[in-house]
């Protein structure tokens, strides 16, 4: 497989080609400035996630720590008031 610095990177590419996907974090930001995080598994070209949050966020950030190499396009936020 691909080698960089003498290391076999096959494990990384296997996750995308024949593995079960890659975990990613979403950070939800609330009106008072606080935040919470949820981990999701990105395993398809298009993924949909549903969260049961105690409060309604004002925004969110996909992969807030920039841990995965990707381009996130078409992120949509649907918020349903109530639980």
Protein backbone atom coordinates (compact mmCIF):
# COMPACT_ATOMS: atom_id res chain seq x y z
CA UNK A 1 0.00 0.00 0.00
CA UNK A 2 1.08 3.63 0.28
CA UNK A 3 4.12 4.36 2.40
CA UNK A 4 5.01 7.65 4.05
CA UNK A 5 7.89 7.86 6.45
CA UNK A 6 8.33 4.09 6.34
CA UNK A 7 4.79 3.40 7.59
CA UNK A 8 2.17 1.33 5.81
CA UNK A 9 -0.92 3.51 5.42
CA UNK A 10 -3.14 0.75 4.09
CA UNK A 11 -5.27 0.81 7.25
CA UNK A 12 -6.30 4.39 6.49
CA UNK A 13 -7.31 3.76 2.89
CA UNK A 14 -9.03 0.48 3.78
CA UNK A 15 -11.47 2.42 5.97
CA UNK A 16 -12.76 4.22 2.88
CA UNK A 17 -12.48 1.52 0.25
CA UNK A 18 -13.71 -1.56 2.10
CA UNK A 19 -14.12 -0.56 5.75
CA UNK A 20 -17.05 0.63 7.76
CA UNK A 21 -16.39 4.36 7.52
CA UNK A 22 -14.79 7.06 9.59
CA UNK A 23 -15.96 8.59 12.86
CA UNK A 24 -16.45 12.36 12.82
CA UNK A 25 -17.53 14.89 15.41
CA UNK A 26 -20.18 17.56 15.17
CA UNK A 27 -20.12 20.48 17.55
CA UNK A 28 -23.43 22.14 18.37
CA UNK A 29 -23.27 25.76 19.51
CA UNK A 30 -26.03 27.23 21.67
CA UNK A 31 -27.28 30.81 22.15
CA UNK A 32 -25.49 31.18 25.49
CA UNK A 33 -22.11 30.36 23.89
CA UNK A 34 -21.88 26.83 25.28
CA UNK A 35 -21.35 23.82 23.04
CA UNK A 36 -21.79 20.06 22.97
CA UNK A 37 -20.35 17.39 20.71
CA UNK A 38 -21.72 14.23 19.14
CA UNK A 39 -19.76 11.56 17.27
CA UNK A 40 -21.17 10.10 14.05
CA UNK A 41 -20.00 7.45 11.62
CA UNK A 42 -19.51 8.75 8.07
CA UNK A 43 -19.89 5.64 5.94
CA UNK A 44 -21.45 6.83 2.67
CA UNK A 45 -21.04 9.63 0.16
CA UNK A 46 -24.24 11.19 1.57
CA UNK A 47 -25.15 10.72 5.24
CA UNK A 48 -28.13 11.85 7.31
CA UNK A 49 -28.05 12.09 11.06
CA UNK A 50 -30.70 12.82 13.66
CA UNK A 51 -29.91 14.04 17.17
CA UNK A 52 -32.03 14.33 20.29
CA UNK A 53 -30.57 17.41 21.94
CA UNK A 54 -31.85 18.96 25.15
CA UNK A 55 -31.67 22.47 23.64
CA UNK A 56 -31.97 23.92 20.16
CA UNK A 57 -28.56 24.88 18.75
CA UNK A 58 -28.02 28.12 16.84
CA UNK A 59 -25.32 26.54 14.65
CA UNK A 60 -23.05 23.53 14.28
CA UNK A 61 -19.55 22.72 13.03
CA UNK A 62 -18.66 19.49 11.22
CA UNK A 63 -15.26 18.14 12.29
CA UNK A 64 -14.39 21.11 14.55
CA UNK A 65 -10.82 19.89 15.14
CA UNK A 66 -10.16 19.24 11.40
CA UNK A 67 -9.21 15.62 11.99
CA UNK A 68 -10.47 14.21 8.69
CA UNK A 69 -9.48 15.18 5.21
CA UNK A 70 -12.70 16.00 3.39
CA UNK A 71 -14.81 18.67 1.82
CA UNK A 72 -18.16 19.06 3.54
CA UNK A 73 -20.70 20.42 1.08
CA UNK A 74 -24.41 20.89 1.32
CA UNK A 75 -24.63 20.73 5.09
CA UNK A 76 -28.20 21.49 6.05
CA UNK A 77 -29.59 22.13 9.48
CA UNK A 78 -33.19 21.18 10.19
CA UNK A 79 -34.31 22.01 13.69
CA UNK A 80 -37.55 20.71 15.13
CA UNK A 81 -38.63 22.46 18.29
CA UNK A 82 -39.72 20.20 21.07
CA UNK A 83 -38.41 16.81 22.08
